[in-house]
Amino acid sequence: MNEATVQKMKQMKLYGMHSAYISATETGNIHRMDPDNLLSVLIESEWDEKMNRRIERNIKNATFHYRAAMEEVIYDENRNLDRSKMEHLSEGIFITKAENILITGPTGTGKSYIATALGYQACIEGIRVKYFNVNKLLSRMKMAKVEGDFLKELTKLNRFTLLILDDFGLQKLDKEDRVYF
């Protein structure tokens, strides 16, 4: 009976439950749990598994160039970063309010890292994020316009709650580029 249950969990893609059930069986803990406790452990494991997969999918779909975390931002005096402001930004209130933020500073000060770290945090919170290099985005939009897929590309972009536009302002925008912004 246990083997059939395990197989059904796999077939139903209940990977968290499957893993917890196997673990509880192998360690012998399954015999020490009452049914309510066992059910709670199984459901909690499945919930965690689904949330972790969702976060991983959000991060993958964001197409970040590297991993970044708000906890790893360095606050030395040369960077002139306000820790409380960064913590406030990491809460994502600007996202829920549909506000824009602009991160400025000299080359090499970590602007892209901070933007990516904010994006990772948003992914963890379940927000759909997309990371773009502005020049590549503009090329993509120009190509879509030529191919007659401009509205389709805009629809794709509209699916994301947070767009991170990296290297914005590094190159002068020509007349056609300004239409997009």
N, C-alpha and C. Protein backbone atom coordinates (compact mmCIF):
# COMPACT_ATOMS: atom_id res chain seq x y z
N MET A 1 0.82 -1.20 0.00
CA MET A 1 0.00 0.00 0.00
C MET A 1 0.86 1.26 0.00
N ASN A 2 1.97 1.27 0.75
CA ASN A 2 2.84 2.44 0.79
C ASN A 2 3.44 2.75 -0.57
N GLU A 3 3.84 1.71 -1.30
CA GLU A 3 4.44 1.91 -2.63
C GLU A 3 3.43 2.54 -3.59
N ALA A 4 2.19 2.09 -3.54
CA ALA A 4 1.15 2.66 -4.39
C ALA A 4 0.92 4.13 -4.04
N THR A 5 0.92 4.45 -2.76
CA THR A 5 0.74 5.83 -2.31
C THR A 5 1.89 6.70 -2.81
N VAL A 6 3.09 6.21 -2.68
CA VAL A 6 4.27 6.95 -3.12
C VAL A 6 4.21 7.20 -4.62
N GLN A 7 3.83 6.19 -5.38
CA GLN A 7 3.73 6.34 -6.84
C GLN A 7 2.65 7.35 -7.22
N LYS A 8 1.54 7.32 -6.53
CA LYS A 8 0.47 8.28 -6.81
C LYS A 8 0.91 9.71 -6.51
N MET A 9 1.67 9.88 -5.43
CA MET A 9 2.18 11.22 -5.11
C MET A 9 3.06 11.73 -6.25
N LYS A 10 3.91 10.86 -6.78
CA LYS A 10 4.78 11.26 -7.89
C LYS A 10 3.95 11.58 -9.13
N GLN A 11 2.99 10.74 -9.44
CA GLN A 11 2.16 10.96 -10.62
C GLN A 11 1.36 12.25 -10.51
N MET A 12 0.96 12.60 -9.31
CA MET A 12 0.20 13.82 -9.09
C MET A 12 1.12 15.04 -8.94
N LYS A 13 2.42 14.82 -9.06
CA LYS A 13 3.44 15.86 -8.93
C LYS A 13 3.42 16.51 -7.55
N LEU A 14 3.17 15.70 -6.54
CA LEU A 14 3.22 16.15 -5.16
C LEU A 14 4.61 15.82 -4.60
N TYR A 15 5.62 16.48 -5.16
CA TYR A 15 7.02 16.14 -4.86
C TYR A 15 7.40 16.44 -3.42
N GLY A 16 6.87 17.50 -2.85
CA GLY A 16 7.16 17.82 -1.45
C GLY A 16 6.60 16.76 -0.53
N MET A 17 5.36 16.36 -0.76
CA MET A 17 4.73 15.30 0.05
C MET A 17 5.50 13.99 -0.13
N HIS A 18 5.84 13.70 -1.37
CA HIS A 18 6.56 12.47 -1.67
C HIS A 18 7.86 12.41 -0.88
N SER A 19 8.63 13.47 -0.93
CA SER A 19 9.91 13.53 -0.23
C SER A 19 9.74 13.40 1.28
N ALA A 20 8.76 14.12 1.82
CA ALA A 20 8.52 14.06 3.27
C ALA A 20 8.04 12.69 3.71
N TYR A 21 7.20 12.08 2.90
CA TYR A 21 6.68 10.75 3.23
C TYR A 21 7.81 9.72 3.22
N ILE A 22 8.65 9.77 2.19
CA ILE A 22 9.79 8.85 2.10
C ILE A 22 10.72 9.04 3.29
N SER A 23 11.00 10.29 3.60
CA SER A 23 11.89 10.60 4.73
C SER A 23 11.32 10.09 6.05
N ALA A 24 10.03 10.35 6.27
CA ALA A 24 9.39 9.91 7.52
C ALA A 24 9.37 8.38 7.61
N THR A 25 9.18 7.72 6.47
CA THR A 25 9.16 6.26 6.45
C THR A 25 10.54 5.69 6.73
N GLU A 26 11.56 6.23 6.07
CA GLU A 26 12.93 5.73 6.23
C GLU A 26 13.47 5.95 7.64
N THR A 27 13.10 7.06 8.26
CA THR A 27 13.60 7.34 9.61
C THR A 27 12.75 6.69 10.71
N GLY A 28 11.62 6.17 10.33
CA GLY A 28 10.73 5.55 11.30
C GLY A 28 9.84 6.53 12.03
N ASN A 29 9.93 7.81 11.67
CA ASN A 29 9.11 8.84 12.33
C ASN A 29 7.63 8.70 12.02
N ILE A 30 7.33 8.05 10.92
CA ILE A 30 5.94 7.92 10.50
C ILE A 30 5.10 7.17 11.54
N HIS A 31 5.75 6.25 12.26
CA HIS A 31 5.04 5.46 13.28
C HIS A 31 4.83 6.24 14.58
N ARG A 32 5.60 7.33 14.75
CA ARG A 32 5.50 8.14 15.97
C ARG A 32 4.55 9.33 15.80
N MET A 33 4.06 9.52 14.57
CA MET A 33 3.18 10.67 14.32
C MET A 33 1.72 10.24 14.33
N ASP A 34 0.89 11.10 14.93
CA ASP A 34 -0.55 10.84 14.82
C ASP A 34 -0.98 11.32 13.43
N PRO A 35 -2.13 10.90 12.96
CA PRO A 35 -2.56 11.25 11.59
C PRO A 35 -2.59 12.76 11.31
N ASP A 36 -3.04 13.54 12.29
CA ASP A 36 -3.08 15.00 12.08
C ASP A 36 -1.68 15.57 11.89
N ASN A 37 -0.75 15.11 12.69
CA ASN A 37 0.63 15.59 12.61
C ASN A 37 1.26 15.17 11.29
N LEU A 38 1.04 13.93 10.87
CA LEU A 38 1.58 13.46 9.60
C LEU A 38 1.02 14.27 8.44
N LEU A 39 -0.29 14.48 8.45
CA LEU A 39 -0.91 15.27 7.40
C LEU A 39 -0.35 16.69 7.37
N SER A 40 -0.16 17.27 8.54
CA SER A 40 0.41 18.61 8.63
C SER A 40 1.81 18.66 8.03
N VAL A 41 2.65 17.68 8.36
CA VAL A 41 4.02 17.62 7.83
C VAL A 41 3.99 17.47 6.31
N LEU A 42 3.14 16.61 5.81
CA LEU A 42 3.05 16.38 4.36
C LEU A 42 2.59 17.64 3.62
N ILE A 43 1.57 18.29 4.14
CA ILE A 43 1.06 19.50 3.49
C ILE A 43 2.08 20.63 3.56
N GLU A 44 2.72 20.79 4.70
CA GLU A 44 3.75 21.83 4.85
C GLU A 44 4.91 21.59 3.88
N SER A 45 5.31 20.35 3.73
CA SER A 45 6.39 20.02 2.80
C SER A 45 5.99 20.31 1.36
N GLU A 46 4.77 19.99 1.01
CA GLU A 46 4.29 20.27 -0.35
C GLU A 46 4.21 21.77 -0.59
N TRP A 47 3.72 22.50 0.39
CA TRP A 47 3.64 23.96 0.27
C TRP A 47 5.03 24.56 0.04
N ASP A 48 5.99 24.14 0.86
CA ASP A 48 7.36 24.65 0.72
C ASP A 48 7.94 24.32 -0.66
N GLU A 49 7.71 23.12 -1.12
CA GLU A 49 8.20 22.69 -2.43
C GLU A 49 7.62 23.55 -3.55
N LYS A 50 6.31 23.78 -3.50
CA LYS A 50 5.66 24.60 -4.53
C LYS A 50 6.15 26.05 -4.49
N MET A 51 6.32 26.60 -3.30
CA MET A 51 6.80 27.98 -3.19
C MET A 51 8.24 28.09 -3.71
N ASN A 52 9.07 27.11 -3.38
CA ASN A 52 10.45 27.13 -3.86
C ASN A 52 10.51 27.02 -5.38
N ARG A 53 9.67 26.17 -5.96
CA ARG A 53 9.64 26.05 -7.42
C ARG A 53 9.16 27.36 -8.06
N ARG A 54 8.19 28.00 -7.44
CA ARG A 54 7.69 29.27 -7.97
C ARG A 54 8.78 30.34 -7.94
N ILE A 55 9.51 30.41 -6.85
CA ILE A 55 10.61 31.37 -6.74
C ILE A 55 11.67 31.08 -7.81
N GLU A 56 12.05 29.82 -7.95
CA GLU A 56 13.04 29.44 -8.95
C GLU A 56 12.56 29.79 -10.35
N ARG A 57 11.29 29.56 -10.64
CA ARG A 57 10.73 29.89 -11.95
C ARG A 57 10.75 31.41 -12.18
N ASN A 58 10.37 32.17 -11.15
CA ASN A 58 10.41 33.64 -11.27
C ASN A 58 11.82 34.14 -11.54
N ILE A 59 12.79 33.58 -10.84
CA ILE A 59 14.19 33.99 -11.03
C ILE A 59 14.67 33.61 -12.43
N LYS A 60 14.34 32.42 -12.87
CA LYS A 60 14.74 31.99 -14.21
C LYS A 60 14.13 32.88 -15.27
N ASN A 61 12.83 33.19 -15.15
CA ASN A 61 12.14 34.01 -16.14
C ASN A 61 12.61 35.46 -16.14
N ALA A 62 13.18 35.91 -15.03
CA ALA A 62 13.66 37.29 -14.94
C ALA A 62 14.91 37.50 -15.80
N THR A 63 15.62 36.45 -16.10
CA THR A 63 16.86 36.47 -16.90
C THR A 63 17.91 37.42 -16.33
N PHE A 64 18.14 37.32 -15.04
CA PHE A 64 19.22 38.09 -14.43
C PHE A 64 20.56 37.62 -14.98
N HIS A 65 21.55 38.50 -14.94
CA HIS A 65 22.88 38.13 -15.42
C HIS A 65 23.70 37.43 -14.35
N TYR A 66 23.34 37.62 -13.09
CA TYR A 66 24.05 36.99 -11.98
C TYR A 66 23.16 37.00 -10.75
N ARG A 67 23.57 36.26 -9.73
CA ARG A 67 22.82 36.21 -8.48
C ARG A 67 23.20 37.42 -7.62
N ALA A 68 22.23 37.94 -6.91
CA ALA A 68 22.47 39.08 -6.02
C ALA A 68 21.49 39.01 -4.87
N ALA A 69 21.89 39.53 -3.73
CA ALA A 69 21.03 39.52 -2.55
C ALA A 69 21.19 40.82 -1.78
N MET A 70 20.08 41.32 -1.28
CA MET A 70 20.12 42.56 -0.50
C MET A 70 21.00 42.41 0.74
N GLU A 71 21.05 41.20 1.29
CA GLU A 71 21.86 40.96 2.48
C GLU A 71 23.36 41.10 2.18
N GLU A 72 23.74 41.03 0.92
CA GLU A 72 25.15 41.09 0.55
C GLU A 72 25.59 42.46 0.04
N VAL A 73 24.67 43.42 0.05
CA VAL A 73 25.04 44.78 -0.36
C VAL A 73 26.01 45.36 0.67
N ILE A 74 27.08 45.94 0.18
CA ILE A 74 28.12 46.50 1.06
C ILE A 74 27.82 47.99 1.28
N TYR A 75 27.80 48.37 2.54
CA TYR A 75 27.47 49.75 2.91
C TYR A 75 28.70 50.48 3.44
N ASP A 76 29.74 50.60 2.63
CA ASP A 76 30.88 51.37 3.11
C ASP A 76 30.69 52.84 2.72
N GLU A 77 31.47 53.72 3.32
CA GLU A 77 31.25 55.15 3.14
C GLU A 77 31.55 55.63 1.73
N ASN A 78 32.36 54.88 0.97
CA ASN A 78 32.66 55.27 -0.41
C ASN A 78 31.44 55.14 -1.32
N ARG A 79 30.53 54.26 -0.97
CA ARG A 79 29.36 54.00 -1.81
C ARG A 79 28.21 54.96 -1.52
N ASN A 80 28.23 55.58 -0.35
CA ASN A 80 27.21 56.56 0.02
C ASN A 80 25.79 55.98 -0.07
N LEU A 81 25.62 54.77 0.44
CA LEU A 81 24.31 54.12 0.46
C LEU A 81 23.67 54.27 1.83
N ASP A 82 22.42 54.60 1.82
CA ASP A 82 21.65 54.72 3.05
C ASP A 82 21.00 53.36 3.34
N ARG A 83 21.46 52.71 4.39
CA ARG A 83 20.98 51.36 4.72
C ARG A 83 19.46 51.34 4.93
N SER A 84 18.93 52.32 5.63
CA SER A 84 17.48 52.32 5.89
C SER A 84 16.68 52.49 4.60
N LYS A 85 17.18 53.31 3.68
CA LYS A 85 16.51 53.48 2.40
C LYS A 85 16.56 52.18 1.60
N MET A 86 17.69 51.50 1.63
CA MET A 86 17.82 50.22 0.92
C MET A 86 16.88 49.17 1.52
N GLU A 87 16.78 49.13 2.84
CA GLU A 87 15.86 48.19 3.48
C GLU A 87 14.42 48.50 3.11
N HIS A 88 14.10 49.79 3.03
CA HIS A 88 12.76 50.20 2.62
C HIS A 88 12.47 49.76 1.19
N LEU A 89 13.44 49.95 0.30
CA LEU A 89 13.27 49.51 -1.09
C LEU A 89 13.10 48.00 -1.19
N SER A 90 13.82 47.27 -0.35
CA SER A 90 13.74 45.80 -0.41
C SER A 90 12.36 45.27 0.02
N GLU A 91 11.58 46.10 0.71
CA GLU A 91 10.22 45.71 1.09
C GLU A 91 9.28 45.70 -0.12
N GLY A 92 9.68 46.37 -1.20
CA GLY A 92 8.92 46.34 -2.45
C GLY A 92 7.70 47.23 -2.48
N ILE A 93 7.60 48.16 -1.57
CA ILE A 93 6.44 49.06 -1.55
C ILE A 93 6.36 49.86 -2.84
N PHE A 94 7.52 50.23 -3.39
CA PHE A 94 7.53 50.98 -4.65
C PHE A 94 6.91 50.16 -5.78
N ILE A 95 6.98 48.85 -5.69
CA ILE A 95 6.39 47.99 -6.72
C ILE A 95 4.87 48.00 -6.60
N THR A 96 4.38 47.81 -5.38
CA THR A 96 2.93 47.79 -5.19
C THR A 96 2.29 49.14 -5.51
N LYS A 97 3.06 50.21 -5.33
CA LYS A 97 2.56 51.55 -5.65
C LYS A 97 2.80 51.92 -7.12
N ALA A 98 3.42 51.02 -7.88
CA ALA A 98 3.76 51.24 -9.29
C ALA A 98 4.64 52.48 -9.46
N GLU A 99 5.60 52.64 -8.55
CA GLU A 99 6.53 53.75 -8.62
C GLU A 99 7.83 53.29 -9.30
N ASN A 100 8.48 54.22 -9.95
CA ASN A 100 9.77 53.95 -10.56
C ASN A 100 10.87 54.36 -9.61
N ILE A 101 11.99 53.66 -9.69
CA ILE A 101 13.18 54.11 -8.97
C ILE A 101 14.31 54.21 -9.98
N LEU A 102 15.19 55.15 -9.75
CA LEU A 102 16.34 55.36 -10.61
C LEU A 102 17.57 55.28 -9.73
N ILE A 103 18.44 54.36 -10.06
CA ILE A 103 19.66 54.18 -9.30
C ILE A 103 20.79 54.83 -10.09
N THR A 104 21.41 55.83 -9.49
CA THR A 104 22.47 56.57 -10.19
C THR A 104 23.77 56.47 -9.42
N GLY A 105 24.86 56.75 -10.12
CA GLY A 105 26.17 56.75 -9.50
C GLY A 105 27.24 56.47 -10.54
N PRO A 106 28.48 56.65 -10.14
CA PRO A 106 29.59 56.42 -11.07
C PRO A 106 29.69 54.94 -11.47
N THR A 107 30.38 54.71 -12.57
CA THR A 107 30.62 53.35 -13.05
C THR A 107 31.34 52.54 -11.98
N GLY A 108 30.89 51.30 -11.82
CA GLY A 108 31.55 50.39 -10.90
C GLY A 108 31.12 50.49 -9.45
N THR A 109 30.07 51.23 -9.15
CA THR A 109 29.64 51.40 -7.77
C THR A 109 28.57 50.40 -7.34
N GLY A 110 28.13 49.55 -8.27
CA GLY A 110 27.18 48.51 -7.90
C GLY A 110 25.73 48.80 -8.19
N LYS A 111 25.46 49.69 -9.11
CA LYS A 111 24.07 50.02 -9.45
C LYS A 111 23.34 48.79 -9.99
N SER A 112 23.97 48.09 -10.89
CA SER A 112 23.35 46.88 -11.47
C SER A 112 23.16 45.81 -10.40
N TYR A 113 24.11 45.69 -9.49
CA TYR A 113 23.99 44.70 -8.42
C TYR A 113 22.79 45.02 -7.54
N ILE A 114 22.64 46.28 -7.18
CA ILE A 114 21.52 46.68 -6.33
C ILE A 114 20.19 46.42 -7.04
N ALA A 115 20.11 46.79 -8.32
CA ALA A 115 18.88 46.57 -9.08
C ALA A 115 18.57 45.07 -9.15
N THR A 116 19.59 44.26 -9.37
CA THR A 116 19.40 42.81 -9.44
C THR A 116 18.98 42.26 -8.08
N ALA A 117 19.59 42.75 -7.02
CA ALA A 117 19.23 42.28 -5.67
C ALA A 117 17.77 42.64 -5.35
N LEU A 118 17.34 43.82 -5.76
CA LEU A 118 15.93 44.19 -5.57
C LEU A 118 15.03 43.28 -6.40
N GLY A 119 15.48 42.93 -7.58
CA GLY A 119 14.72 42.01 -8.43
C GLY A 119 14.61 40.63 -7.83
N TYR A 120 15.72 40.12 -7.29
CA TYR A 120 15.69 38.81 -6.62
C TYR A 120 14.73 38.83 -5.45
N GLN A 121 14.77 39.89 -4.67
CA GLN A 121 13.87 40.00 -3.53
C GLN A 121 12.42 39.99 -3.98
N ALA A 122 12.15 40.69 -5.07
CA ALA A 122 10.78 40.72 -5.61
C ALA A 122 10.36 39.32 -6.07
N CYS A 123 11.27 38.58 -6.70
CA CYS A 123 10.97 37.21 -7.12
C CYS A 123 10.61 36.34 -5.92
N ILE A 124 11.35 36.50 -4.85
CA ILE A 124 11.08 35.74 -3.62
C ILE A 124 9.70 36.06 -3.08
N GLU A 125 9.28 37.31 -3.24
CA GLU A 125 7.96 37.75 -2.78
C GLU A 125 6.84 37.36 -3.73
N GLY A 126 7.19 36.68 -4.83
CA GLY A 126 6.18 36.21 -5.77
C GLY A 126 5.84 37.19 -6.88
N ILE A 127 6.66 38.20 -7.06
CA ILE A 127 6.42 39.21 -8.08
C ILE A 127 7.13 38.79 -9.37
N ARG A 128 6.45 38.97 -10.49
CA ARG A 128 7.04 38.63 -11.79
C ARG A 128 7.95 39.77 -12.23
N VAL A 129 9.22 39.42 -12.47
CA VAL A 129 10.26 40.40 -12.77
C VAL A 129 10.90 40.06 -14.11
N LYS A 130 11.32 41.10 -14.84
CA LYS A 130 12.11 40.90 -16.05
C LYS A 130 13.24 41.91 -16.05
N TYR A 131 14.45 41.39 -16.29
CA TYR A 131 15.67 42.19 -16.32
C TYR A 131 16.08 42.40 -17.77
N PHE A 132 16.34 43.65 -18.14
CA PHE A 132 16.77 43.96 -19.50
C PHE A 132 17.96 44.90 -19.48
N ASN A 133 18.86 44.70 -20.40
CA ASN A 133 19.83 45.72 -20.77
C ASN A 133 19.05 46.62 -21.73
N VAL A 134 19.06 47.92 -21.51
CA VAL A 134 18.23 48.84 -22.30
C VAL A 134 18.53 48.74 -23.79
N ASN A 135 19.79 48.67 -24.16
CA ASN A 135 20.12 48.60 -25.59
C ASN A 135 19.56 47.35 -26.23
N LYS A 136 19.62 46.23 -25.53
CA LYS A 136 19.06 44.99 -26.07
C LYS A 136 17.54 45.07 -26.15
N LEU A 137 16.91 45.70 -25.16
CA LEU A 137 15.46 45.87 -25.19
C LEU A 137 15.05 46.74 -26.38
N LEU A 138 15.78 47.84 -26.59
CA LEU A 138 15.45 48.72 -27.72
C LEU A 138 15.61 47.98 -29.05
N SER A 139 16.65 47.20 -29.17
CA SER A 139 16.85 46.41 -30.40
C SER A 139 15.70 45.43 -30.59
N ARG A 140 15.32 44.81 -29.51
CA ARG A 140 14.21 43.85 -29.55
C ARG A 140 12.91 44.53 -29.99
N MET A 141 12.65 45.70 -29.45
CA MET A 141 11.42 46.41 -29.79
C MET A 141 11.45 46.90 -31.24
N LYS A 142 12.61 47.37 -31.71
CA LYS A 142 12.73 47.80 -33.11
C LYS A 142 12.48 46.62 -34.05
N MET A 143 13.05 45.48 -33.72
CA MET A 143 12.87 44.29 -34.54
C MET A 143 11.41 43.87 -34.55
N ALA A 144 10.77 43.92 -33.41
CA ALA A 144 9.35 43.56 -33.32
C ALA A 144 8.51 44.51 -34.17
N LYS A 145 8.87 45.77 -34.15
CA LYS A 145 8.12 46.75 -34.95
C LYS A 145 8.26 46.44 -36.44
N VAL A 146 9.47 46.12 -36.87
CA VAL A 146 9.71 45.78 -38.27
C VAL A 146 8.95 44.52 -38.68
N GLU A 147 8.92 43.55 -37.77
CA GLU A 147 8.27 42.27 -38.07
C GLU A 147 6.75 42.30 -37.84
N GLY A 148 6.25 43.41 -37.37
CA GLY A 148 4.81 43.54 -37.13
C GLY A 148 4.36 42.91 -35.82
N ASP A 149 5.29 42.67 -34.91
CA ASP A 149 4.97 42.03 -33.62
C ASP A 149 5.11 42.99 -32.44
N PHE A 150 5.04 44.27 -32.71
CA PHE A 150 5.26 45.26 -31.66
C PHE A 150 4.25 45.12 -30.52
N LEU A 151 2.97 45.02 -30.85
CA LEU A 151 1.94 44.89 -29.81
C LEU A 151 2.11 43.59 -29.04
N LYS A 152 2.52 42.55 -29.72
CA LYS A 152 2.76 41.25 -29.07
C LYS A 152 3.89 41.39 -28.04
N GLU A 153 4.95 42.11 -28.41
CA GLU A 153 6.06 42.33 -27.47
C GLU A 153 5.63 43.18 -26.29
N LEU A 154 4.82 44.20 -26.54
CA LEU A 154 4.31 45.02 -25.44
C LEU A 154 3.45 44.20 -24.50
N THR A 155 2.66 43.30 -25.06
CA THR A 155 1.82 42.42 -24.24
C THR A 155 2.68 41.52 -23.37
N LYS A 156 3.77 41.01 -23.92
CA LYS A 156 4.70 40.19 -23.13
C LYS A 156 5.29 40.99 -21.98
N LEU A 157 5.70 42.21 -22.27
CA LEU A 157 6.29 43.06 -21.23
C LEU A 157 5.28 43.39 -20.14
N ASN A 158 4.03 43.54 -20.54
CA ASN A 158 2.98 43.91 -19.60
C ASN A 158 2.68 42.80 -18.59
N ARG A 159 3.13 41.58 -18.86
CA ARG A 159 2.91 40.47 -17.93
C ARG A 159 3.77 40.58 -16.68
N PHE A 160 4.80 41.40 -16.76
CA PHE A 160 5.71 41.53 -15.62
C PHE A 160 5.32 42.74 -14.78
N THR A 161 5.41 42.55 -13.48
CA THR A 161 5.08 43.63 -12.55
C THR A 161 6.25 44.59 -12.38
N LEU A 162 7.47 44.03 -12.46
CA LEU A 162 8.68 44.84 -12.28
C LEU A 162 9.61 44.65 -13.47
N LEU A 163 9.92 45.74 -14.15
CA LEU A 163 10.91 45.72 -15.22
C LEU A 163 12.16 46.43 -14.71
N ILE A 164 13.28 45.75 -14.82
CA ILE A 164 14.56 46.35 -14.44
C ILE A 164 15.28 46.70 -15.73
N LEU A 165 15.52 47.98 -15.94
CA LEU A 165 16.18 48.46 -17.14
C LEU A 165 17.60 48.87 -16.78
N ASP A 166 18.53 48.02 -17.09
CA ASP A 166 19.93 48.25 -16.72
C ASP A 166 20.64 49.04 -17.82
N ASP A 167 21.57 49.85 -17.40
CA ASP A 167 22.38 50.69 -18.29
C ASP A 167 21.53 51.73 -19.02
N PHE A 168 20.46 52.15 -18.39
CA PHE A 168 19.61 53.20 -18.95
C PHE A 168 20.39 54.51 -18.92
N GLY A 169 20.40 55.21 -20.04
CA GLY A 169 21.05 56.51 -20.10
C GLY A 169 22.52 56.47 -20.45
N LEU A 170 23.07 55.30 -20.72
CA LEU A 170 24.48 55.23 -21.10
C LEU A 170 24.71 55.71 -22.52
N GLN A 171 23.72 55.47 -23.37
CA GLN A 171 23.81 55.93 -24.75
C GLN A 171 22.66 56.88 -25.04
N LYS A 172 22.94 57.81 -25.90
CA LYS A 172 21.91 58.78 -26.29
C LYS A 172 20.81 58.07 -27.06
N LEU A 173 19.57 58.38 -26.73
CA LEU A 173 18.44 57.80 -27.42
C LEU A 173 18.15 58.60 -28.68
N ASP A 174 18.03 57.89 -29.80
CA ASP A 174 17.65 58.59 -31.02
C ASP A 174 16.14 58.82 -31.02
N LYS A 175 15.66 59.50 -32.05
CA LYS A 175 14.25 59.88 -32.11
C LYS A 175 13.33 58.66 -32.01
N GLU A 176 13.70 57.59 -32.70
CA GLU A 176 12.88 56.36 -32.69
C GLU A 176 12.89 55.71 -31.30
N ASP A 177 14.05 55.71 -30.65
CA ASP A 177 14.15 55.10 -29.31
C ASP A 177 13.29 55.82 -28.29
N ARG A 178 13.16 57.11 -28.42
CA ARG A 178 12.39 57.90 -27.45
C ARG A 178 10.91 57.52 -27.44
N VAL A 179 10.43 56.98 -28.53
CA VAL A 179 9.03 56.55 -28.61
C VAL A 179 8.75 55.48 -27.56
N TYR A 180 9.73 54.64 -27.28
CA TYR A 180 9.54 53.52 -26.36
C TYR A 180 9.53 53.96 -24.90
N PHE A 181 10.11 55.11 -24.63
CA PHE A 181 10.16 55.57 -23.26
C PHE A 181 9.32 56.81 -23.12
